[in-house]
Amino acid sequence: MANPAFSEKTFTKIDLAGHNGDVMTVQSTLNKVGILLFILIASSTVSWIGLLEGWSIAPMLIPAGSIGGLLCAVVLVFKKEWAPQLAPTYALLEGLAIGAISAIFQDLAFMAAGLTFGVVLIMWFLYKTKILQATRGFIMGVTAATGAVFLVYLLTWILGMFGISIPYIHEGGKVGIIFSLAVVTIAAMNLIIDFHLIEQGAEMRAPKFMEWYSAFGLMVTIVWLYLEILKLLAKISRK
Protein backbone atom coordinates (compact mmCIF):
# COMPACT_ATOMS: atom_id res chain seq x y z
CA MET A 1 0.00 0.00 0.00
CA ALA A 2 0.94 3.64 -0.24
CA ASN A 3 1.35 4.22 3.50
CA PRO A 4 4.28 2.00 4.58
CA ALA A 5 2.93 1.87 8.13
CA PHE A 6 -0.59 0.90 7.10
CA SER A 7 -1.47 -1.72 4.47
CA GLU A 8 -3.55 -4.85 3.89
CA LYS A 9 -0.57 -6.85 5.14
CA THR A 10 -0.98 -5.01 8.45
CA PHE A 11 -3.91 -7.28 9.30
CA THR A 12 -2.71 -10.47 7.62
CA LYS A 13 0.49 -10.51 9.66
CA ILE A 14 -1.18 -10.52 13.07
CA ASP A 15 -2.93 -13.28 14.98
CA LEU A 16 -6.58 -12.42 14.54
CA ALA A 17 -7.60 -15.18 16.94
CA GLY A 18 -5.02 -14.59 19.64
CA HIS A 19 -6.80 -11.99 21.77
CA ASN A 20 -9.12 -11.93 24.78
CA GLY A 21 -12.33 -11.29 22.87
CA ASP A 22 -12.13 -7.52 22.55
CA VAL A 23 -12.07 -6.60 18.89
CA MET A 24 -11.47 -3.50 16.81
CA THR A 25 -14.41 -1.27 15.83
CA VAL A 26 -14.55 1.71 13.47
CA GLN A 27 -16.09 4.07 16.04
CA SER A 28 -13.55 3.23 18.73
CA THR A 29 -10.72 3.65 16.22
CA LEU A 30 -12.01 7.11 15.26
CA ASN A 31 -12.17 7.99 18.96
CA LYS A 32 -8.51 7.10 19.26
CA VAL A 33 -7.72 9.22 16.20
CA GLY A 34 -9.31 12.10 18.11
CA ILE A 35 -7.12 11.37 21.14
CA LEU A 36 -3.97 11.33 19.02
CA LEU A 37 -4.97 14.58 17.32
CA PHE A 38 -5.53 16.20 20.73
CA ILE A 39 -2.08 15.08 21.91
CA LEU A 40 -0.46 16.30 18.68
CA ILE A 41 -2.18 19.71 18.84
CA ALA A 42 -1.32 20.12 22.53
CA SER A 43 2.38 19.33 22.04
CA SER A 44 2.42 21.49 18.90
CA THR A 45 1.10 24.42 20.91
CA VAL A 46 3.81 24.00 23.54
CA SER A 47 6.48 23.73 20.85
CA TRP A 48 5.11 26.80 19.01
CA ILE A 49 5.25 28.87 22.22
CA GLY A 50 8.72 27.57 22.98
CA LEU A 51 10.09 28.65 19.62
CA LEU A 52 8.49 32.10 19.78
CA GLU A 53 9.63 32.62 23.37
CA GLY A 54 13.17 31.59 22.51
CA TRP A 55 13.48 28.65 24.88
CA SER A 56 17.00 27.22 24.96
CA ILE A 57 15.74 23.82 23.76
CA ALA A 58 13.75 25.36 20.89
CA PRO A 59 16.39 24.67 18.18
CA MET A 60 16.24 20.97 19.08
CA LEU A 61 12.47 20.58 18.88
CA ILE A 62 12.30 19.91 15.13
CA PRO A 63 15.11 17.30 14.90
CA ALA A 64 14.23 15.68 18.24
CA GLY A 65 10.53 15.44 17.42
CA SER A 66 11.10 14.23 13.87
CA ILE A 67 13.69 11.60 14.78
CA GLY A 68 11.76 10.46 17.85
CA GLY A 69 8.53 10.18 15.86
CA LEU A 70 10.31 8.23 13.13
CA LEU A 71 11.78 5.80 15.67
CA CYS A 72 8.33 5.23 17.19
CA ALA A 73 6.89 4.58 13.73
CA VAL A 74 9.63 2.08 12.85
CA VAL A 75 9.17 0.18 16.12
CA LEU A 76 5.39 0.15 15.67
CA VAL A 77 5.66 -1.43 12.22
CA PHE A 78 7.31 -4.46 13.83
CA LYS A 79 5.62 -4.34 17.26
CA LYS A 80 2.00 -3.48 16.56
CA GLU A 81 0.90 -4.72 19.98
CA TRP A 82 2.84 -1.80 21.50
CA ALA A 83 0.54 0.67 19.72
CA PRO A 84 -1.47 1.68 22.85
CA GLN A 85 1.75 3.09 24.30
CA LEU A 86 3.73 4.14 21.22
CA ALA A 87 0.94 5.73 19.13
CA PRO A 88 0.39 8.52 21.73
CA THR A 89 4.17 8.88 22.03
CA TYR A 90 4.41 9.29 18.26
CA ALA A 91 1.71 11.99 18.33
CA LEU A 92 3.50 13.80 21.16
CA LEU A 93 6.89 13.81 19.41
CA GLU A 94 5.51 14.69 15.99
CA GLY A 95 3.61 17.53 17.62
CA LEU A 96 6.86 19.00 18.96
CA ALA A 97 8.36 19.03 15.47
CA ILE A 98 5.22 20.29 13.73
CA GLY A 99 4.67 23.05 16.28
CA ALA A 100 8.18 24.40 15.79
CA ILE A 101 7.87 24.19 12.00
CA SER A 102 4.48 25.89 12.09
CA ALA A 103 5.75 28.73 14.27
CA ILE A 104 8.17 29.64 11.48
CA PHE A 105 5.28 30.14 9.03
CA GLN A 106 2.88 31.84 11.49
CA ASP A 107 -0.44 32.65 9.75
CA LEU A 108 0.18 30.17 6.94
CA ALA A 109 0.22 27.40 9.54
CA PHE A 110 -3.32 28.22 10.71
CA MET A 111 -4.51 28.23 7.12
CA ALA A 112 -2.76 24.91 6.45
CA ALA A 113 -4.33 23.35 9.56
CA GLY A 114 -7.80 24.46 8.51
CA LEU A 115 -7.33 23.19 4.97
CA THR A 116 -5.98 19.87 6.28
CA PHE A 117 -9.03 19.21 8.44
CA GLY A 118 -11.25 20.33 5.57
CA VAL A 119 -9.61 17.88 3.18
CA VAL A 120 -9.90 15.04 5.71
CA LEU A 121 -13.63 15.69 6.14
CA ILE A 122 -14.18 15.95 2.38
CA MET A 123 -12.33 12.69 1.73
CA TRP A 124 -14.31 10.96 4.50
CA PHE A 125 -17.54 12.18 2.88
CA LEU A 126 -16.40 11.01 -0.57
CA TYR A 127 -15.47 7.62 0.88
CA LYS A 128 -18.68 7.08 2.88
CA THR A 129 -20.86 8.10 -0.08
CA LYS A 130 -18.82 5.74 -2.29
CA ILE A 131 -17.94 8.53 -4.71
CA LEU A 132 -14.35 7.39 -4.22
CA GLN A 133 -13.66 3.75 -3.40
CA ALA A 134 -10.48 1.89 -2.59
CA THR A 135 -10.62 -0.46 -5.56
CA ARG A 136 -7.60 -2.51 -6.56
CA GLY A 137 -6.87 -0.12 -9.42
CA PHE A 138 -7.24 2.93 -7.18
CA ILE A 139 -4.89 1.46 -4.59
CA MET A 140 -2.29 0.51 -7.20
CA GLY A 141 -2.41 3.98 -8.75
CA VAL A 142 -2.08 5.82 -5.43
CA THR A 143 0.70 3.47 -4.35
CA ALA A 144 2.67 4.11 -7.54
CA ALA A 145 2.20 7.87 -7.26
CA THR A 146 3.21 7.89 -3.60
CA GLY A 147 6.29 5.82 -4.39
CA ALA A 148 7.27 8.30 -7.09
CA VAL A 149 6.99 11.19 -4.63
CA PHE A 150 9.11 9.28 -2.12
CA LEU A 151 11.80 8.71 -4.74
CA VAL A 152 11.83 12.42 -5.66
CA TYR A 153 12.22 13.41 -2.00
CA LEU A 154 14.89 10.77 -1.45
CA LEU A 155 16.81 12.01 -4.49
CA THR A 156 16.44 15.59 -3.25
CA TRP A 157 17.90 14.60 0.12
CA ILE A 158 20.82 12.68 -1.39
CA LEU A 159 21.70 15.45 -3.86
CA GLY A 160 21.35 18.03 -1.08
CA MET A 161 24.16 16.29 0.80
CA PHE A 162 26.42 17.24 -2.10
CA GLY A 163 25.12 20.77 -2.40
CA ILE A 164 23.00 20.00 -5.47
CA SER A 165 19.35 21.03 -5.66
CA ILE A 166 16.64 19.85 -8.04
CA PRO A 167 15.46 22.97 -9.90
CA TYR A 168 11.88 24.27 -10.06
CA ILE A 169 9.91 21.68 -8.06
CA HIS A 170 10.98 23.00 -4.65
CA GLU A 171 10.73 26.65 -5.65
CA GLY A 172 7.84 29.10 -5.69
CA GLY A 173 7.30 29.22 -9.45
CA LYS A 174 4.54 27.58 -11.47
CA VAL A 175 6.35 24.23 -11.68
CA GLY A 176 6.91 24.13 -7.92
CA ILE A 177 3.29 25.01 -7.16
CA ILE A 178 1.95 22.41 -9.61
CA PHE A 179 4.28 19.80 -8.08
CA SER A 180 3.03 20.61 -4.56
CA LEU A 181 -0.60 20.50 -5.72
CA ALA A 182 0.03 17.04 -7.16
CA VAL A 183 1.63 15.84 -3.92
CA VAL A 184 -1.22 17.25 -1.81
CA THR A 185 -3.68 15.40 -4.06
CA ILE A 186 -1.74 12.15 -3.68
CA ALA A 187 -1.63 12.56 0.10
CA ALA A 188 -5.41 13.16 0.14
CA MET A 189 -6.00 10.03 -1.95
CA ASN A 190 -4.08 8.05 0.67
CA LEU A 191 -6.83 8.93 3.15
CA ILE A 192 -9.30 6.88 1.12
CA ILE A 193 -7.05 3.85 1.48
CA ASP A 194 -6.65 4.48 5.22
CA PHE A 195 -10.43 4.70 5.74
CA HIS A 196 -10.84 1.47 3.78
CA LEU A 197 -8.26 -0.32 5.91
CA ILE A 198 -9.87 0.80 9.16
CA GLU A 199 -13.19 -0.68 8.04
CA GLN A 200 -11.40 -3.79 6.79
CA GLY A 201 -9.72 -4.29 10.16
CA ALA A 202 -13.06 -4.01 11.95
CA GLU A 203 -14.66 -6.51 9.55
CA MET A 204 -11.79 -8.94 10.18
CA ARG A 205 -12.36 -8.55 13.95
CA ALA A 206 -8.76 -7.52 14.53
CA PRO A 207 -7.51 -7.37 18.15
CA LYS A 208 -8.38 -4.26 20.16
CA PHE A 209 -4.82 -2.90 20.13
CA MET A 210 -5.11 -2.54 16.34
CA GLU A 211 -7.42 0.41 16.93
CA TRP A 212 -4.41 2.33 18.21
CA TYR A 213 -2.26 1.10 15.36
CA SER A 214 -4.87 2.02 12.76
CA ALA A 215 -5.28 5.46 14.35
CA PHE A 216 -1.51 5.85 14.14
CA GLY A 217 -1.55 4.85 10.47
CA LEU A 218 -4.17 7.49 9.70
CA MET A 219 -2.18 10.08 11.69
CA VAL A 220 0.88 9.44 9.53
CA THR A 221 -1.12 10.43 6.45
CA ILE A 222 -2.69 13.47 8.13
CA VAL A 223 0.71 14.77 9.27
CA TRP A 224 2.09 14.30 5.75
CA LEU A 225 -0.93 16.07 4.25
CA TYR A 226 -0.56 19.04 6.62
CA LEU A 227 3.13 19.49 5.86
CA GLU A 228 2.51 19.32 2.10
CA ILE A 229 -0.30 21.89 2.31
CA LEU A 230 1.93 24.15 4.39
CA LYS A 231 4.67 23.79 1.80
CA LEU A 232 2.21 24.62 -1.00
CA LEU A 233 0.99 27.75 0.79
CA ALA A 234 4.58 28.85 1.40
CA LYS A 235 5.33 28.51 -2.33
CA ILE A 236 2.22 30.48 -3.29
CA SER A 237 3.13 33.25 -0.84
CA ARG A 238 6.58 33.58 -2.46
CA LYS A 239 5.20 33.73 -6.00
C-alpha atoms as a PDB file:
ATOM      1  CA  MET A   1       0.000   0.000   0.000  1.00  0.00           C
ATOM      2  CA  ALA A   2       0.944   3.644  -0.235  1.00  0.00           C
ATOM      3  CA  ASN A   3       1.348   4.220   3.496  1.00  0.00           C
ATOM      4  CA  PRO A   4       4.277   1.998   4.579  1.00  0.00           C
ATOM      5  CA  ALA A   5       2.932   1.867   8.132  1.00  0.00           C
ATOM      6  CA  PHE A   6      -0.587   0.895   7.103  1.00  0.00           C
ATOM      7  CA  SER A   7      -1.470  -1.717   4.468  1.00  0.00           C
ATOM      8  CA  GLU A   8      -3.552  -4.846   3.889  1.00  0.00           C
ATOM      9  CA  LYS A   9      -0.567  -6.854   5.140  1.00  0.00           C
ATOM     10  CA  THR A  10      -0.976  -5.010   8.445  1.00  0.00           C
ATOM     11  CA  PHE A  11      -3.910  -7.281   9.301  1.00  0.00           C
ATOM     12  CA  THR A  12      -2.711 -10.472   7.619  1.00  0.00           C
ATOM     13  CA  LYS A  13       0.492 -10.507   9.659  1.00  0.00           C
ATOM     14  CA  ILE A  14      -1.183 -10.523  13.068  1.00  0.00           C
ATOM     15  CA  ASP A  15      -2.926 -13.278  14.984  1.00  0.00           C
ATOM     16  CA  LEU A  16      -6.582 -12.425  14.536  1.00  0.00           C
ATOM     17  CA  ALA A  17      -7.598 -15.175  16.941  1.00  0.00           C
ATOM     18  CA  GLY A  18      -5.018 -14.589  19.639  1.00  0.00           C
ATOM     19  CA  HIS A  19      -6.796 -11.991  21.772  1.00  0.00           C
ATOM     20  CA  ASN A  20      -9.115 -11.935  24.780  1.00  0.00           C
ATOM     21  CA  GLY A  21     -12.325 -11.290  22.871  1.00  0.00           C
ATOM     22  CA  ASP A  22     -12.125  -7.520  22.554  1.00  0.00           C
ATOM     23  CA  VAL A  23     -12.068  -6.595  18.892  1.00  0.00           C
ATOM     24  CA  MET A  24     -11.475  -3.501  16.809  1.00  0.00           C
ATOM     25  CA  THR A  25     -14.407  -1.274  15.830  1.00  0.00           C
ATOM     26  CA  VAL A  26     -14.554   1.711  13.471  1.00  0.00           C
ATOM     27  CA  GLN A  27     -16.091   4.070  16.039  1.00  0.00           C
ATOM     28  CA  SER A  28     -13.551   3.231  18.725  1.00  0.00           C
ATOM     29  CA  THR A  29     -10.725   3.647  16.219  1.00  0.00           C
ATOM     30  CA  LEU A  30     -12.007   7.107  15.259  1.00  0.00           C
ATOM     31  CA  ASN A  31     -12.168   7.989  18.956  1.00  0.00           C
ATOM     32  CA  LYS A  32      -8.506   7.100  19.257  1.00  0.00           C
ATOM     33  CA  VAL A  33      -7.722   9.218  16.203  1.00  0.00           C
ATOM     34  CA  GLY A  34      -9.313  12.098  18.110  1.00  0.00           C
ATOM     35  CA  ILE A  35      -7.122  11.369  21.143  1.00  0.00           C
ATOM     36  CA  LEU A  36      -3.972  11.326  19.023  1.00  0.00           C
ATOM     37  CA  LEU A  37      -4.967  14.584  17.321  1.00  0.00           C
ATOM     38  CA  PHE A  38      -5.526  16.199  20.726  1.00  0.00           C
ATOM     39  CA  ILE A  39      -2.078  15.080  21.906  1.00  0.00           C
ATOM     40  CA  LEU A  40      -0.460  16.301  18.680  1.00  0.00           C
ATOM     41  CA  ILE A  41      -2.181  19.706  18.842  1.00  0.00           C
ATOM     42  CA  ALA A  42      -1.325  20.125  22.534  1.00  0.00           C
ATOM     43  CA  SER A  43       2.377  19.335  22.039  1.00  0.00           C
ATOM     44  CA  SER A  44       2.423  21.494  18.898  1.00  0.00           C
ATOM     45  CA  THR A  45       1.097  24.418  20.911  1.00  0.00           C
ATOM     46  CA  VAL A  46       3.810  23.998  23.545  1.00  0.00           C
ATOM     47  CA  SER A  47       6.476  23.733  20.846  1.00  0.00           C
ATOM     48  CA  TRP A  48       5.111  26.797  19.011  1.00  0.00           C
ATOM     49  CA  ILE A  49       5.251  28.870  22.217  1.00  0.00           C
ATOM     50  CA  GLY A  50       8.721  27.569  22.982  1.00  0.00           C
ATOM     51  CA  LEU A  51      10.091  28.651  19.618  1.00  0.00           C
ATOM     52  CA  LEU A  52       8.488  32.103  19.776  1.00  0.00           C
ATOM     53  CA  GLU A  53       9.631  32.616  23.374  1.00  0.00           C
ATOM     54  CA  GLY A  54      13.172  31.587  22.508  1.00  0.00           C
ATOM     55  CA  TRP A  55      13.481  28.654  24.881  1.00  0.00           C
ATOM     56  CA  SER A  56      16.997  27.219  24.965  1.00  0.00           C
ATOM     57  CA  ILE A  57      15.741  23.825  23.759  1.00  0.00           C
ATOM     58  CA  ALA A  58      13.745  25.357  20.889  1.00  0.00           C
ATOM     59  CA  PRO A  59      16.394  24.667  18.184  1.00  0.00           C
ATOM     60  CA  MET A  60      16.242  20.966  19.078  1.00  0.00           C
ATOM     61  CA  LEU A  61      12.472  20.579  18.877  1.00  0.00           C
ATOM     62  CA  ILE A  62      12.304  19.905  15.132  1.00  0.00           C
ATOM     63  CA  PRO A  63      15.114  17.298  14.904  1.00  0.00           C
ATOM     64  CA  ALA A  64      14.234  15.682  18.244  1.00  0.00           C
ATOM     65  CA  GLY A  65      10.527  15.444  17.421  1.00  0.00           C
ATOM     66  CA  SER A  66      11.104  14.235  13.872  1.00  0.00           C
ATOM     67  CA  ILE A  67      13.686  11.600  14.779  1.00  0.00           C
ATOM     68  CA  GLY A  68      11.758  10.464  17.854  1.00  0.00           C
ATOM     69  CA  GLY A  69       8.533  10.179  15.863  1.00  0.00           C
ATOM     70  CA  LEU A  70      10.314   8.229  13.130  1.00  0.00           C
ATOM     71  CA  LEU A  71      11.778   5.795  15.671  1.00  0.00           C
ATOM     72  CA  CYS A  72       8.327   5.230  17.192  1.00  0.00           C
ATOM     73  CA  ALA A  73       6.895   4.583  13.726  1.00  0.00           C
ATOM     74  CA  VAL A  74       9.631   2.081  12.854  1.00  0.00           C
ATOM     75  CA  VAL A  75       9.173   0.176  16.123  1.00  0.00           C
ATOM     76  CA  LEU A  76       5.388   0.153  15.666  1.00  0.00           C
ATOM     77  CA  VAL A  77       5.658  -1.427  12.225  1.00  0.00           C
ATOM     78  CA  PHE A  78       7.312  -4.458  13.834  1.00  0.00           C
ATOM     79  CA  LYS A  79       5.616  -4.342  17.256  1.00  0.00           C
ATOM     80  CA  LYS A  80       2.001  -3.477  16.563  1.00  0.00           C
ATOM     81  CA  GLU A  81       0.901  -4.724  19.982  1.00  0.00           C
ATOM     82  CA  TRP A  82       2.836  -1.804  21.499  1.00  0.00           C
ATOM     83  CA  ALA A  83       0.538   0.667  19.718  1.00  0.00           C
ATOM     84  CA  PRO A  84      -1.471   1.681  22.849  1.00  0.00           C
ATOM     85  CA  GLN A  85       1.753   3.092  24.297  1.00  0.00           C
ATOM     86  CA  LEU A  86       3.728   4.144  21.217  1.00  0.00           C
ATOM     87  CA  ALA A  87       0.941   5.727  19.135  1.00  0.00           C
ATOM     88  CA  PRO A  88       0.388   8.518  21.731  1.00  0.00           C
ATOM     89  CA  THR A  89       4.167   8.883  22.035  1.00  0.00           C
ATOM     90  CA  TYR A  90       4.413   9.288  18.258  1.00  0.00           C
ATOM     91  CA  ALA A  91       1.712  11.993  18.329  1.00  0.00           C
ATOM     92  CA  LEU A  92       3.503  13.805  21.162  1.00  0.00           C
ATOM     93  CA  LEU A  93       6.886  13.807  19.413  1.00  0.00           C
ATOM     94  CA  GLU A  94       5.512  14.694  15.986  1.00  0.00           C
ATOM     95  CA  GLY A  95       3.609  17.531  17.623  1.00  0.00           C
ATOM     96  CA  LEU A  96       6.858  18.996  18.959  1.00  0.00           C
ATOM     97  CA  ALA A  97       8.359  19.032  15.469  1.00  0.00           C
ATOM     98  CA  ILE A  98       5.222  20.289  13.733  1.00  0.00           C
ATOM     99  CA  GLY A  99       4.667  23.052  16.279  1.00  0.00           C
ATOM    100  CA  ALA A 100       8.177  24.400  15.789  1.00  0.00           C
ATOM    101  CA  ILE A 101       7.875  24.192  12.003  1.00  0.00           C
ATOM    102  CA  SER A 102       4.476  25.889  12.090  1.00  0.00           C
ATOM    103  CA  ALA A 103       5.752  28.728  14.271  1.00  0.00           C
ATOM    104  CA  ILE A 104       8.172  29.639  11.485  1.00  0.00           C
ATOM    105  CA  PHE A 105       5.282  30.136   9.034  1.00  0.00           C
ATOM    106  CA  GLN A 106       2.884  31.841  11.486  1.00  0.00           C
ATOM    107  CA  ASP A 107      -0.441  32.646   9.749  1.00  0.00           C
ATOM    108  CA  LEU A 108       0.183  30.170   6.938  1.00  0.00           C
ATOM    109  CA  ALA A 109       0.216  27.396   9.537  1.00  0.00           C
ATOM    110  CA  PHE A 110      -3.318  28.222  10.713  1.00  0.00           C
ATOM    111  CA  MET A 111      -4.506  28.232   7.125  1.00  0.00           C
ATOM    112  CA  ALA A 112      -2.760  24.912   6.451  1.00  0.00           C
ATOM    113  CA  ALA A 113      -4.330  23.348   9.559  1.00  0.00           C
ATOM    114  CA  GLY A 114      -7.804  24.462   8.507  1.00  0.00           C
ATOM    115  CA  LEU A 115      -7.329  23.188   4.975  1.00  0.00           C
ATOM    116  CA  THR A 116      -5.984  19.867   6.276  1.00  0.00           C
ATOM    117  CA  PHE A 117      -9.033  19.209   8.437  1.00  0.00           C
ATOM    118  CA  GLY A 118     -11.252  20.326   5.573  1.00  0.00           C
ATOM    119  CA  VAL A 119      -9.605  17.880   3.177  1.00  0.00           C
ATOM    120  CA  VAL A 120      -9.901  15.039   5.711  1.00  0.00           C
ATOM    121  CA  LEU A 121     -13.632  15.695   6.137  1.00  0.00           C
ATOM    122  CA  ILE A 122     -14.182  15.948   2.380  1.00  0.00           C
ATOM    123  CA  MET A 123     -12.326  12.691   1.734  1.00  0.00           C
ATOM    124  CA  TRP A 124     -14.308  10.956   4.498  1.00  0.00           C
ATOM    125  CA  PHE A 125     -17.535  12.176   2.877  1.00  0.00           C
ATOM    126  CA  LEU A 126     -16.397  11.010  -0.571  1.00  0.00           C
ATOM    127  CA  TYR A 127     -15.473   7.618   0.876  1.00  0.00           C
ATOM    128  CA  LYS A 128     -18.677   7.084   2.878  1.00  0.00           C
ATOM    129  CA  THR A 129     -20.861   8.103  -0.081  1.00  0.00           C
ATOM    130  CA  LYS A 130     -18.822   5.739  -2.295  1.00  0.00           C
ATOM    131  CA  ILE A 131     -17.942   8.526  -4.711  1.00  0.00           C
ATOM    132  CA  LEU A 132     -14.351   7.394  -4.224  1.00  0.00           C
ATOM    133  CA  GLN A 133     -13.662   3.746  -3.397  1.00  0.00           C
ATOM    134  CA  ALA A 134     -10.476   1.895  -2.592  1.00  0.00           C
ATOM    135  CA  THR A 135     -10.620  -0.455  -5.563  1.00  0.00           C
ATOM    136  CA  ARG A 136      -7.603  -2.506  -6.562  1.00  0.00           C
ATOM    137  CA  GLY A 137      -6.866  -0.122  -9.425  1.00  0.00           C
ATOM    138  CA  PHE A 138      -7.245   2.930  -7.179  1.00  0.00           C
ATOM    139  CA  ILE A 139      -4.893   1.461  -4.591  1.00  0.00           C
ATOM    140  CA  MET A 140      -2.287   0.513  -7.197  1.00  0.00           C
ATOM    141  CA  GLY A 141      -2.410   3.984  -8.754  1.00  0.00           C
ATOM    142  CA  VAL A 142      -2.077   5.817  -5.435  1.00  0.00           C
ATOM    143  CA  THR A 143       0.702   3.471  -4.349  1.00  0.00           C
ATOM    144  CA  ALA A 144       2.670   4.106  -7.537  1.00  0.00           C
ATOM    145  CA  ALA A 145       2.204   7.871  -7.261  1.00  0.00           C
ATOM    146  CA  THR A 146       3.214   7.892  -3.596  1.00  0.00           C
ATOM    147  CA  GLY A 147       6.288   5.822  -4.393  1.00  0.00           C
ATOM    148  CA  ALA A 148       7.268   8.304  -7.093  1.00  0.00           C
ATOM    149  CA  VAL A 149       6.986  11.194  -4.633  1.00  0.00           C
ATOM    150  CA  PHE A 150       9.109   9.283  -2.121  1.00  0.00           C
ATOM    151  CA  LEU A 151      11.801   8.708  -4.743  1.00  0.00           C
ATOM    152  CA  VAL A 152      11.832  12.417  -5.663  1.00  0.00           C
ATOM    153  CA  TYR A 153      12.219  13.406  -2.002  1.00  0.00           C
ATOM    154  CA  LEU A 154      14.886  10.767  -1.455  1.00  0.00           C
ATOM    155  CA  LEU A 155      16.806  12.011  -4.488  1.00  0.00           C
ATOM    156  CA  THR A 156      16.444  15.594  -3.250  1.00  0.00           C
ATOM    157  CA  TRP A 157      17.897  14.597   0.124  1.00  0.00           C
ATOM    158  CA  ILE A 158      20.816  12.680  -1.392  1.00  0.00           C
ATOM    159  CA  LEU A 159      21.704  15.449  -3.856  1.00  0.00           C
ATOM    160  CA  GLY A 160      21.353  18.028  -1.078  1.00  0.00           C
ATOM    161  CA  MET A 161      24.162  16.286   0.805  1.00  0.00           C
ATOM    162  CA  PHE A 162      26.418  17.236  -2.103  1.00  0.00           C
ATOM    163  CA  GLY A 163      25.117  20.768  -2.404  1.00  0.00           C
ATOM    164  CA  ILE A 164      23.000  19.998  -5.467  1.00  0.00           C
ATOM    165  CA  SER A 165      19.353  21.035  -5.656  1.00  0.00           C
ATOM    166  CA  ILE A 166      16.641  19.848  -8.043  1.00  0.00           C
ATOM    167  CA  PRO A 167      15.456  22.969  -9.903  1.00  0.00           C
ATOM    168  CA  TYR A 168      11.877  24.271 -10.060  1.00  0.00           C
ATOM    169  CA  ILE A 169       9.913  21.678  -8.058  1.00  0.00           C
ATOM    170  CA  HIS A 170      10.984  23.003  -4.647  1.00  0.00           C
ATOM    171  CA  GLU A 171      10.733  26.646  -5.646  1.00  0.00           C
ATOM    172  CA  GLY A 172       7.841  29.103  -5.693  1.00  0.00           C
ATOM    173  CA  GLY A 173       7.300  29.220  -9.449  1.00  0.00           C
ATOM    174  CA  LYS A 174       4.542  27.577 -11.467  1.00  0.00           C
ATOM    175  CA  VAL A 175       6.346  24.233 -11.682  1.00  0.00           C
ATOM    176  CA  GLY A 176       6.915  24.132  -7.920  1.00  0.00           C
ATOM    177  CA  ILE A 177       3.285  25.008  -7.163  1.00  0.00           C
ATOM    178  CA  ILE A 178       1.951  22.412  -9.612  1.00  0.00           C
ATOM    179  CA  PHE A 179       4.276  19.798  -8.083  1.00  0.00           C
ATOM    180  CA  SER A 180       3.029  20.607  -4.565  1.00  0.00           C
ATOM    181  CA  LEU A 181      -0.599  20.501  -5.724  1.00  0.00           C
ATOM    182  CA  ALA A 182       0.028  17.045  -7.159  1.00  0.00           C
ATOM    183  CA  VAL A 183       1.634  15.841  -3.915  1.00  0.00           C
ATOM    184  CA  VAL A 184      -1.223  17.245  -1.815  1.00  0.00           C
ATOM    185  CA  THR A 185      -3.682  15.404  -4.062  1.00  0.00           C
ATOM    186  CA  ILE A 186      -1.743  12.154  -3.683  1.00  0.00           C
ATOM    187  CA  ALA A 187      -1.634  12.559   0.104  1.00  0.00           C
ATOM    188  CA  ALA A 188      -5.406  13.163   0.143  1.00  0.00           C
ATOM    189  CA  MET A 189      -6.003  10.028  -1.948  1.00  0.00           C
ATOM    190  CA  ASN A 190      -4.085   8.049   0.667  1.00  0.00           C
ATOM    191  CA  LEU A 191      -6.827   8.933   3.149  1.00  0.00           C
ATOM    192  CA  ILE A 192      -9.302   6.879   1.118  1.00  0.00           C
ATOM    193  CA  ILE A 193      -7.049   3.847   1.482  1.00  0.00           C
ATOM    194  CA  ASP A 194      -6.655   4.484   5.225  1.00  0.00           C
ATOM    195  CA  PHE A 195     -10.432   4.695   5.740  1.00  0.00           C
ATOM    196  CA  HIS A 196     -10.844   1.469   3.777  1.00  0.00           C
ATOM    197  CA  LEU A 197      -8.261  -0.320   5.909  1.00  0.00           C
ATOM    198  CA  ILE A 198      -9.873   0.805   9.157  1.00  0.00           C
ATOM    199  CA  GLU A 199     -13.193  -0.681   8.044  1.00  0.00           C
ATOM    200  CA  GLN A 200     -11.403  -3.787   6.792  1.00  0.00           C
ATOM    201  CA  GLY A 201      -9.720  -4.286  10.165  1.00  0.00           C
ATOM    202  CA  ALA A 202     -13.064  -4.010  11.948  1.00  0.00           C
ATOM    203  CA  GLU A 203     -14.660  -6.509   9.551  1.00  0.00           C
ATOM    204  CA  MET A 204     -11.790  -8.937  10.184  1.00  0.00           C
ATOM    205  CA  ARG A 205     -12.358  -8.545  13.950  1.00  0.00           C
ATOM    206  CA  ALA A 206      -8.763  -7.519  14.533  1.00  0.00           C
ATOM    207  CA  PRO A 207      -7.506  -7.371  18.149  1.00  0.00           C
ATOM    208  CA  LYS A 208      -8.380  -4.262  20.159  1.00  0.00           C
ATOM    209  CA  PHE A 209      -4.820  -2.896  20.125  1.00  0.00           C
ATOM    210  CA  MET A 210      -5.113  -2.538  16.335  1.00  0.00           C
ATOM    211  CA  GLU A 211      -7.422   0.413  16.932  1.00  0.00           C
ATOM    212  CA  TRP A 212      -4.410   2.333  18.212  1.00  0.00           C
ATOM    213  CA  TYR A 213      -2.256   1.105  15.357  1.00  0.00           C
ATOM    214  CA  SER A 214      -4.872   2.018  12.760  1.00  0.00           C
ATOM    215  CA  ALA A 215      -5.277   5.456  14.346  1.00  0.00           C
ATOM    216  CA  PHE A 216      -1.512   5.849  14.144  1.00  0.00           C
ATOM    217  CA  GLY A 217      -1.547   4.850  10.470  1.00  0.00           C
ATOM    218  CA  LEU A 218      -4.172   7.493   9.697  1.00  0.00           C
ATOM    219  CA  MET A 219      -2.181  10.076  11.692  1.00  0.00           C
ATOM    220  CA  VAL A 220       0.880   9.440   9.529  1.00  0.00           C
ATOM    221  CA  THR A 221      -1.116  10.427   6.453  1.00  0.00           C
ATOM    222  CA  ILE A 222      -2.694  13.467   8.128  1.00  0.00           C
ATOM    223  CA  VAL A 223       0.707  14.770   9.267  1.00  0.00           C
ATOM    224  CA  TRP A 224       2.092  14.301   5.752  1.00  0.00           C
ATOM    225  CA  LEU A 225      -0.931  16.072   4.246  1.00  0.00           C
ATOM    226  CA  TYR A 226      -0.560  19.039   6.620  1.00  0.00           C
ATOM    227  CA  LEU A 227       3.131  19.491   5.860  1.00  0.00           C
ATOM    228  CA  GLU A 228       2.508  19.323   2.104  1.00  0.00           C
ATOM    229  CA  ILE A 229      -0.302  21.885   2.305  1.00  0.00           C
ATOM    230  CA  LEU A 230       1.925  24.152   4.392  1.00  0.00           C
ATOM    231  CA  LYS A 231       4.666  23.792   1.801  1.00  0.00           C
ATOM    232  CA  LEU A 232       2.214  24.619  -0.999  1.00  0.00           C
ATOM    233  CA  LEU A 233       0.990  27.750   0.793  1.00  0.00           C
ATOM    234  CA  ALA A 234       4.577  28.855   1.401  1.00  0.00           C
ATOM    235  CA  LYS A 235       5.328  28.505  -2.326  1.00  0.00           C
ATOM    236  CA  ILE A 236       2.222  30.483  -3.292  1.00  0.00           C
ATOM    237  CA  SER A 237       3.127  33.254  -0.841  1.00  0.00           C
ATOM    238  CA  ARG A 238       6.577  33.583  -2.458  1.00  0.00           C
ATOM    239  CA  LYS A 239       5.204  33.733  -5.995  1.00  0.00           C
END
